[in-house]
Protein backbone atom coordinates (compact mmCIF):
# COMPACT_ATOMS: atom_id res chain seq x y z
CA MET A 1 0.00 0.00 0.00
CA SER A 2 1.35 3.41 -0.93
CA ARG A 3 2.33 5.96 1.66
CA GLN A 4 -0.36 8.37 0.39
CA LYS A 5 -3.03 5.65 0.69
CA GLN A 6 -1.91 4.88 4.25
CA LYS A 7 -2.09 8.59 5.07
CA GLY A 8 -5.60 8.79 3.59
CA ASN A 9 -6.76 5.71 5.51
CA ALA A 10 -5.37 7.14 8.75
CA PHE A 11 -7.16 10.46 8.14
CA GLU A 12 -10.44 8.61 7.51
CA ARG A 13 -10.00 6.72 10.81
CA VAL A 14 -9.23 9.93 12.72
CA THR A 15 -12.27 11.62 11.18
CA ALA A 16 -14.51 8.67 12.08
CA GLU A 17 -13.16 8.69 15.66
CA HIS A 18 -13.83 12.44 15.93
CA LEU A 19 -17.41 12.06 14.67
CA THR A 20 -17.95 9.12 17.07
CA LYS A 21 -16.82 11.31 19.96
CA VAL A 22 -18.97 14.30 18.94
CA PHE A 23 -22.20 12.41 18.25
CA ASP A 24 -21.71 9.60 20.78
CA LEU A 25 -22.62 7.22 17.92
CA LYS A 26 -20.36 4.76 16.08
CA PHE A 27 -18.74 5.94 12.83
CA PHE A 28 -15.97 4.01 11.10
CA ARG A 29 -13.94 3.99 7.93
CA THR A 30 -15.64 2.33 4.95
CA PRO A 31 -14.04 -1.08 4.38
CA GLY A 32 -11.96 -1.60 1.28
CA SER A 33 -10.31 0.83 -1.05
CA GLY A 34 -12.18 4.09 -1.37
CA ALA A 35 -15.92 4.31 -0.99
CA TYR A 36 -17.40 0.82 -0.87
CA VAL A 37 -20.24 1.61 -3.29
CA GLY A 38 -18.96 4.84 -4.86
CA GLY A 39 -16.84 5.58 -7.89
CA ARG A 40 -15.57 2.44 -9.59
CA ASN A 41 -17.29 0.30 -6.96
CA PHE A 42 -20.82 1.24 -8.10
CA TYR A 43 -21.55 -2.37 -9.10
CA ARG A 44 -21.57 -3.42 -5.43
CA ALA A 45 -24.71 -1.37 -4.80
CA ALA A 46 -26.86 -3.92 -6.66
CA GLU A 47 -26.00 -6.53 -4.00
CA LEU A 48 -27.04 -4.33 -1.06
CA THR A 49 -30.34 -3.23 0.44
CA ASN A 50 -31.24 0.47 0.32
CA SER A 51 -30.33 0.79 4.01
CA GLN A 52 -26.95 -0.85 3.45
CA GLN A 53 -26.27 1.42 0.47
CA LEU A 54 -27.09 4.50 2.54
CA LEU A 55 -24.75 3.47 5.33
CA LEU A 56 -21.83 2.59 3.04
CA GLU A 57 -21.82 5.60 0.71
CA GLY A 58 -18.69 7.73 1.21
CA ASP A 59 -15.44 7.24 3.09
CA ILE A 60 -17.08 7.03 6.51
CA VAL A 61 -19.77 4.52 7.48
CA VAL A 62 -22.36 6.50 9.40
CA PRO A 63 -24.68 5.25 12.15
CA GLU A 64 -28.31 4.64 11.22
CA GLU A 65 -29.37 7.82 13.06
CA LEU A 66 -27.34 9.84 10.53
CA SER A 67 -27.83 7.62 7.48
CA TYR A 68 -28.61 10.66 5.31
CA LEU A 69 -25.17 12.20 5.80
CA LYS A 70 -22.20 11.43 3.58
CA PHE A 71 -18.53 12.16 4.28
CA GLU A 72 -15.68 12.13 1.79
CA CYS A 73 -12.14 12.63 3.11
CA LYS A 74 -9.02 13.86 1.32
CA THR A 75 -5.47 14.64 2.40
CA LEU A 76 -2.90 16.73 0.63
CA LYS A 77 0.67 17.61 1.29
CA LYS A 78 0.25 21.09 -0.23
CA PHE A 79 -2.73 23.11 -1.39
CA SER A 80 -2.70 26.72 -2.49
CA PHE A 81 -5.85 28.53 -1.41
CA SER A 82 -5.09 31.14 -4.06
CA SER A 83 -5.80 28.38 -6.60
CA LEU A 84 -9.44 28.66 -5.56
CA LEU A 85 -9.53 32.06 -7.26
CA GLU A 86 -9.31 30.23 -10.56
CA HIS A 87 -10.80 27.03 -11.94
CA ASN A 88 -9.44 24.27 -9.69
CA ALA A 89 -9.97 20.88 -11.32
CA ILE A 90 -8.62 18.86 -8.36
CA PHE A 91 -10.88 20.57 -5.84
CA GLU A 92 -13.88 20.29 -8.16
CA SER A 93 -13.22 16.57 -8.66
CA TRP A 94 -13.26 16.13 -4.88
CA VAL A 95 -16.59 17.94 -4.65
CA GLU A 96 -18.03 15.83 -7.48
CA GLN A 97 -16.95 12.69 -5.63
CA ALA A 98 -18.55 13.94 -2.42
CA LYS A 99 -21.89 14.91 -3.98
CA SER A 100 -24.92 12.76 -3.39
CA GLU A 101 -28.38 12.74 -4.91
CA VAL A 102 -30.02 11.62 -1.66
CA LYS A 103 -27.69 12.57 1.17
CA LEU A 104 -26.44 15.77 2.74
CA TRP A 105 -22.79 15.53 1.76
CA PHE A 106 -19.60 16.92 3.26
CA LEU A 107 -16.06 16.95 1.96
CA ILE A 108 -13.43 17.01 4.70
CA PHE A 109 -9.87 17.70 3.66
CA LYS A 110 -6.59 18.07 5.48
CA ILE A 111 -3.57 19.96 4.26
CA ASN A 112 -0.25 19.18 5.97
CA ASN A 113 0.67 21.86 8.50
CA ARG A 114 -2.28 24.05 7.41
CA GLY A 115 -5.33 22.49 9.01
CA THR A 116 -8.48 20.56 8.28
CA PHE A 117 -11.45 22.01 6.44
CA ILE A 118 -15.08 21.16 5.71
CA VAL A 119 -16.87 21.79 2.42
CA TYR A 120 -20.60 21.76 1.73
CA GLU A 121 -23.10 23.32 -0.68
CA LYS A 122 -23.32 27.10 -0.36
CA ASN A 123 -27.12 27.11 -0.36
CA LEU A 124 -26.96 25.34 3.04
CA TYR A 125 -24.80 27.99 4.73
CA ASP A 126 -27.68 29.64 6.64
CA ASN A 127 -28.75 26.29 8.11
CA PHE A 128 -25.57 26.01 10.15
CA ASP A 129 -23.86 27.89 12.94
CA HIS A 130 -20.30 28.96 12.28
CA PRO A 131 -17.67 28.78 15.01
CA PHE A 132 -15.46 31.16 13.01
CA ASP A 133 -16.42 34.25 11.05
CA ASN A 134 -14.25 33.52 8.04
CA TYR A 135 -15.04 31.16 5.21
CA VAL A 136 -14.32 30.77 1.51
CA ALA A 137 -17.11 30.64 -1.07
CA TYR A 138 -16.11 28.79 -4.23
CA ASN A 139 -18.23 29.15 -7.33
CA SER A 140 -17.76 27.43 -10.65
CA ASP A 141 -19.81 26.54 -13.69
CA ALA A 142 -19.07 22.91 -12.80
CA LEU A 143 -20.70 23.26 -9.36
CA GLU A 144 -24.41 24.00 -9.49
CA HIS A 145 -24.74 25.81 -6.14
CA GLY A 146 -21.16 26.66 -5.31
CA VAL A 147 -19.62 25.53 -2.04
CA VAL A 148 -18.46 26.91 1.29
CA ILE A 149 -15.10 26.00 2.82
CA GLU A 150 -14.67 26.47 6.58
CA ARG A 151 -12.22 25.38 9.23
CA ILE A 152 -13.48 22.18 10.76
CA ASP A 153 -12.44 23.07 14.33
CA GLU A 154 -15.59 22.92 16.50
CA TRP A 155 -17.81 22.77 13.38
CA PHE A 156 -19.42 19.41 14.20
CA GLU A 157 -19.65 20.22 17.88
CA THR A 158 -21.46 23.46 17.01
CA ASN A 159 -23.82 21.82 14.48
CA LYS A 160 -24.44 18.43 16.07
CA GLU A 161 -28.13 18.99 16.86
CA THR A 162 -28.80 20.59 13.47
CA LEU A 163 -27.28 17.62 11.65
CA LEU A 164 -29.30 15.14 13.72
CA LYS A 165 -32.51 17.05 12.89
CA ILE A 166 -31.70 17.30 9.19
CA SER A 167 -30.90 13.59 8.96
CA LYS A 168 -34.12 12.71 10.78
CA ARG A 169 -36.14 14.96 8.46
CA LEU A 170 -34.53 13.41 5.37
CA ASP A 171 -35.23 9.92 6.73
CA GLU A 172 -38.90 10.84 7.26
CA GLU A 173 -39.17 12.36 3.78
CA PHE A 174 -37.58 9.28 2.21
CA SER A 175 -39.84 6.94 4.23
CA ASN A 176 -42.95 8.89 3.16
CA THR A 177 -42.04 8.71 -0.53
CA ASN A 178 -41.58 4.92 -0.31
CA THR A 179 -44.89 4.15 1.40
């Protein structure tokens, strides 16, 4: 296994441990290489129930109480924030990988010696509380709504109850459409 893959796996484990601590629910890294049912592994979805698919989408397996949340994780040695002032194909590919038709998705990325950041759709900004005043808004023709990038420090702690409510509402909406 490559050093970069080991680093990515370790970051996914640390992220899952952090979410477990914040929500007091069990999160863990999705087994296997990359998302179990995402990307090139889409064929696996046919073998799973809808509930199993929901839980396994993304890099972090979420508890049933938050089954409508999706987390993608990335690590980078270097990243120039000034590159966000132009078209940034790498960043946009991460966002595309994180997107979900059904789930509220989040991209979490770590840059060596710079910090860890959370990304989500810009149209959701007003739904959340923000532990820090500063954020980056990234817009692109490739991204329908644009995204917000914030420091992750205290973000989940600050928005824990909101995320639980949103996931519950999405679960109820999905249940009502399938009855």
